[in-house]
């Protein structure tokens, strides 16, 4: 290779596939990025002059950096009011416990006794007597006793949790930062260029920054 092939542009002209392993965020246009990258790195010498080695390292490096690039790219699509410094929802949750308990007692008792006796007498009249003559006599005696008692405790209890959730939405400028200052900051945000950020990242990793 001659001296020209030691630059990023020179190696690319010799092996256009060196950027095939480059991983980028979804919405970054690969062709637009490569054109600008080659334009800015055209005269810069490459740290790695062997094309296959450069291709492999570009793939590994971009895979490692991809997460950071994607996070930066996400900030470019956020929806917000640039002159608000408060914008969100506050949630407050209160839990109350309701307890009710009681014990109900009941008891009952009863007792009784019954006694009885009786006599059964059968009489008959003779043919020659006007008074009855006892013919048969039977005596009966009976008794019964009964006692009883019932008692019991009936316990009742209840526990309930009541949860109350309240959401409040807040938005606007609460006076911490002046609106004019926030507008100026928004202008600075609009100047952020994800393409230039990736190109500068590439320069710092693969180019010998000797001018």
Protein backbone atom coordinates (compact mmCIF):
# COMPACT_ATOMS: atom_id res chain seq x y z
CA UNK A 1 0.00 0.00 0.00
CA UNK A 2 1.14 3.55 -0.64
CA UNK A 3 0.87 6.42 1.77
CA UNK A 4 -2.68 7.32 0.59
CA UNK A 5 -4.03 3.97 1.69
CA UNK A 6 -3.04 4.71 5.29
CA UNK A 7 -5.83 7.25 5.57
CA UNK A 8 -9.40 6.24 6.34
CA UNK A 9 -10.50 7.33 2.86
CA UNK A 10 -7.59 5.48 1.23
CA UNK A 11 -8.41 2.21 3.01
CA UNK A 12 -12.10 2.63 2.19
CA UNK A 13 -11.30 3.11 -1.51
CA UNK A 14 -9.29 -0.09 -1.41
CA UNK A 15 -11.82 -2.02 0.73
CA UNK A 16 -15.32 -0.43 0.71
CA UNK A 17 -16.60 -3.16 3.06
CA UNK A 18 -14.67 -1.92 6.13
CA UNK A 19 -17.85 -0.23 7.41
CA UNK A 20 -20.14 -3.22 6.87
CA UNK A 21 -19.82 -4.12 10.56
CA UNK A 22 -20.64 -0.60 11.79
CA UNK A 23 -23.75 -0.63 14.00
CA UNK A 24 -25.86 2.52 14.25
CA UNK A 25 -29.09 3.68 15.93
CA UNK A 26 -32.19 2.84 13.91
CA UNK A 27 -33.02 6.33 12.68
CA UNK A 28 -29.44 7.33 11.72
CA UNK A 29 -29.01 7.19 7.95
CA UNK A 30 -25.96 5.02 7.25
CA UNK A 31 -25.15 6.47 3.82
CA UNK A 32 -25.36 10.07 5.02
CA UNK A 33 -23.15 9.28 8.01
CA UNK A 34 -20.48 7.52 5.94
CA UNK A 35 -20.27 10.31 3.38
CA UNK A 36 -19.71 12.90 6.11
CA UNK A 37 -17.34 10.63 8.05
CA UNK A 38 -15.14 10.01 5.00
CA UNK A 39 -15.17 13.71 4.15
CA UNK A 40 -13.94 14.65 7.62
CA UNK A 41 -11.46 11.79 7.93
CA UNK A 42 -10.13 11.85 4.39
CA UNK A 43 -6.71 13.21 5.33
CA UNK A 44 -6.43 11.56 8.72
CA UNK A 45 -4.22 8.52 9.07
CA UNK A 46 -5.85 5.35 10.35
CA UNK A 47 -4.61 3.77 13.56
CA UNK A 48 -5.13 0.36 11.88
CA UNK A 49 -3.88 0.01 8.34
CA UNK A 50 -4.84 -3.63 7.69
CA UNK A 51 -8.42 -3.60 6.25
CA UNK A 52 -9.65 -6.85 7.84
CA UNK A 53 -8.36 -5.78 11.24
CA UNK A 54 -9.96 -2.35 10.89
CA UNK A 55 -13.28 -3.89 9.83
CA UNK A 56 -13.36 -6.27 12.81
CA UNK A 57 -12.49 -3.58 15.33
CA UNK A 58 -15.07 -1.16 13.89
CA UNK A 59 -17.73 -3.84 14.43
CA UNK A 60 -16.72 -4.56 18.04
CA UNK A 61 -16.32 -0.88 18.91
CA UNK A 62 -19.65 0.20 17.44
CA UNK A 63 -21.44 -2.65 19.20
CA UNK A 64 -20.04 -1.41 22.51
CA UNK A 65 -20.95 2.22 21.79
CA UNK A 66 -24.39 1.52 20.32
CA UNK A 67 -26.26 1.72 23.63
CA UNK A 68 -24.91 5.22 24.33
CA UNK A 69 -25.70 6.40 20.80
CA UNK A 70 -29.25 5.07 21.06
CA UNK A 71 -29.82 6.86 24.37
CA UNK A 72 -28.61 10.12 22.86
CA UNK A 73 -30.78 9.56 19.80
CA UNK A 74 -33.84 8.97 22.01
CA UNK A 75 -33.46 12.43 23.54
CA UNK A 76 -34.02 13.96 20.10
CA UNK A 77 -37.57 12.60 19.90
CA UNK A 78 -38.80 13.45 23.41
CA UNK A 79 -42.08 15.37 23.59
CA UNK A 80 -42.06 18.18 26.14
CA UNK A 81 -42.83 21.84 26.66
CA UNK A 82 -39.47 23.66 26.51
CA UNK A 83 -40.56 26.51 28.80
CA UNK A 84 -41.86 24.25 31.57
CA UNK A 85 -39.62 23.13 34.39
CA UNK A 86 -42.34 21.12 36.10
CA UNK A 87 -44.18 18.48 34.10
CA UNK A 88 -45.36 15.30 35.72
CA UNK A 89 -47.85 13.40 37.81
CA UNK A 90 -47.71 12.97 41.56
CA UNK A 91 -49.35 9.90 43.07
CA UNK A 92 -50.34 9.72 46.73
CA UNK A 93 -51.59 6.48 48.24
CA UNK A 94 -53.16 6.25 51.69
CA UNK A 95 -54.06 2.92 53.29
CA UNK A 96 -56.39 2.76 56.28
CA UNK A 97 -57.15 -0.34 58.34
CA UNK A 98 -60.69 -0.79 59.64
CA UNK A 99 -60.99 -3.23 62.55
CA UNK A 100 -64.15 -4.58 64.25
CA UNK A 101 -64.16 -7.41 66.79
CA UNK A 102 -66.48 -8.77 69.48
CA UNK A 103 -67.24 -11.83 71.54
CA UNK A 104 -70.72 -13.09 72.14
CA UNK A 105 -71.30 -15.44 75.08
CA UNK A 106 -74.38 -17.53 75.62
CA UNK A 107 -75.32 -20.15 78.19
CA UNK A 108 -78.46 -21.96 79.27
CA UNK A 109 -79.25 -24.56 81.91
CA UNK A 110 -82.31 -26.54 82.91
CA UNK A 111 -83.14 -29.14 85.54
CA UNK A 112 -86.29 -30.95 86.56
CA UNK A 113 -87.65 -33.84 88.50
CA UNK A 114 -90.98 -35.61 88.23
CA UNK A 115 -92.40 -38.08 90.74
CA UNK A 116 -95.63 -39.97 90.64
CA UNK A 117 -97.42 -42.79 92.40
CA UNK A 118 -100.78 -44.39 91.97
CA UNK A 119 -102.94 -47.15 93.21
CA UNK A 120 -105.37 -49.12 91.16
CA UNK A 121 -108.11 -50.98 93.06
CA UNK A 122 -110.60 -53.32 91.54
CA UNK A 123 -113.67 -54.36 93.57
CA UNK A 124 -116.54 -56.72 93.04
CA UNK A 125 -119.99 -57.28 94.68
CA UNK A 126 -121.00 -60.61 96.06
CA UNK A 127 -124.41 -62.11 95.54
CA UNK A 128 -125.32 -61.71 99.19
CA UNK A 129 -123.56 -58.40 100.01
CA UNK A 130 -124.48 -54.86 99.30
CA UNK A 131 -120.92 -53.59 99.90
CA UNK A 132 -118.15 -54.15 97.42
CA UNK A 133 -115.40 -56.45 98.37
CA UNK A 134 -111.88 -55.80 97.21
CA UNK A 135 -110.94 -58.29 94.64
CA UNK A 136 -107.65 -56.96 93.21
CA UNK A 137 -105.28 -54.11 94.19
CA UNK A 138 -102.31 -52.76 92.16
CA UNK A 139 -99.93 -49.98 93.19
CA UNK A 140 -97.73 -48.04 90.76
CA UNK A 141 -94.87 -45.60 91.56
CA UNK A 142 -92.74 -43.65 89.02
CA UNK A 143 -90.09 -40.94 89.16
CA UNK A 144 -87.88 -39.11 86.63
CA UNK A 145 -84.96 -36.69 86.99
CA UNK A 146 -83.43 -34.53 84.23
CA UNK A 147 -80.75 -31.89 84.32
CA UNK A 148 -79.06 -30.04 81.47
CA UNK A 149 -76.78 -27.12 80.76
CA UNK A 150 -75.52 -25.56 77.52
CA UNK A 151 -72.98 -22.79 77.16
CA UNK A 152 -70.80 -21.35 74.42
CA UNK A 153 -68.68 -18.43 73.27
CA UNK A 154 -69.20 -17.10 69.79
CA UNK A 155 -66.37 -14.86 68.58
CA UNK A 156 -66.80 -12.55 65.67
CA UNK A 157 -64.11 -10.45 64.02
CA UNK A 158 -63.49 -8.45 60.85
CA UNK A 159 -60.56 -6.54 59.35
CA UNK A 160 -60.61 -4.51 56.18
CA UNK A 161 -58.03 -2.34 54.42
CA UNK A 162 -59.17 0.71 52.53
CA UNK A 163 -56.78 2.21 49.97
CA UNK A 164 -57.25 5.69 48.55
CA UNK A 165 -55.06 6.76 45.60
CA UNK A 166 -54.92 10.34 44.41
CA UNK A 167 -53.13 11.58 41.28
CA UNK A 168 -52.19 15.20 40.68
CA UNK A 169 -50.80 16.58 37.43
CA UNK A 170 -48.43 19.53 37.60
CA UNK A 171 -47.00 21.59 34.79
CA UNK A 172 -45.58 25.01 34.09
CA UNK A 173 -42.79 27.29 35.20
CA UNK A 174 -42.44 27.47 38.97
CA UNK A 175 -39.93 30.30 38.82
CA UNK A 176 -36.66 28.43 39.32
CA UNK A 177 -35.44 29.32 35.82
CA UNK A 178 -36.54 32.29 33.75
CA UNK A 179 -38.48 31.49 30.59
CA UNK A 180 -35.93 33.36 28.46
CA UNK A 181 -33.13 31.19 29.86
CA UNK A 182 -35.07 28.03 29.09
CA UNK A 183 -35.62 29.20 25.52
CA UNK A 184 -31.87 29.74 25.13
CA UNK A 185 -31.19 26.28 26.53
CA UNK A 186 -33.67 24.81 24.05
CA UNK A 187 -31.77 26.44 21.19
CA UNK A 188 -28.61 24.72 22.40
CA UNK A 189 -30.44 21.40 22.49
CA UNK A 190 -31.56 21.90 18.89
CA UNK A 191 -27.92 22.27 17.84
CA UNK A 192 -27.03 18.79 19.01
CA UNK A 193 -26.06 16.62 16.03
CA UNK A 194 -26.04 12.87 16.59
CA UNK A 195 -24.20 12.37 13.28
CA UNK A 196 -21.36 14.66 14.31
CA UNK A 197 -21.24 13.04 17.73
CA UNK A 198 -20.68 9.57 16.19
CA UNK A 199 -18.09 10.92 13.72
CA UNK A 200 -16.14 12.57 16.53
CA UNK A 201 -16.37 9.32 18.48
CA UNK A 202 -14.93 7.48 15.46
CA UNK A 203 -12.11 9.99 15.01
CA UNK A 204 -11.03 9.64 18.60
CA UNK A 205 -10.91 5.84 18.33
CA UNK A 206 -9.50 5.15 14.84
CA UNK A 207 -7.65 8.23 13.59
CA UNK A 208 -4.23 9.63 14.35
CA UNK A 209 -5.17 13.22 15.00
CA UNK A 210 -2.08 14.77 13.49
CA UNK A 211 -2.77 17.78 11.28
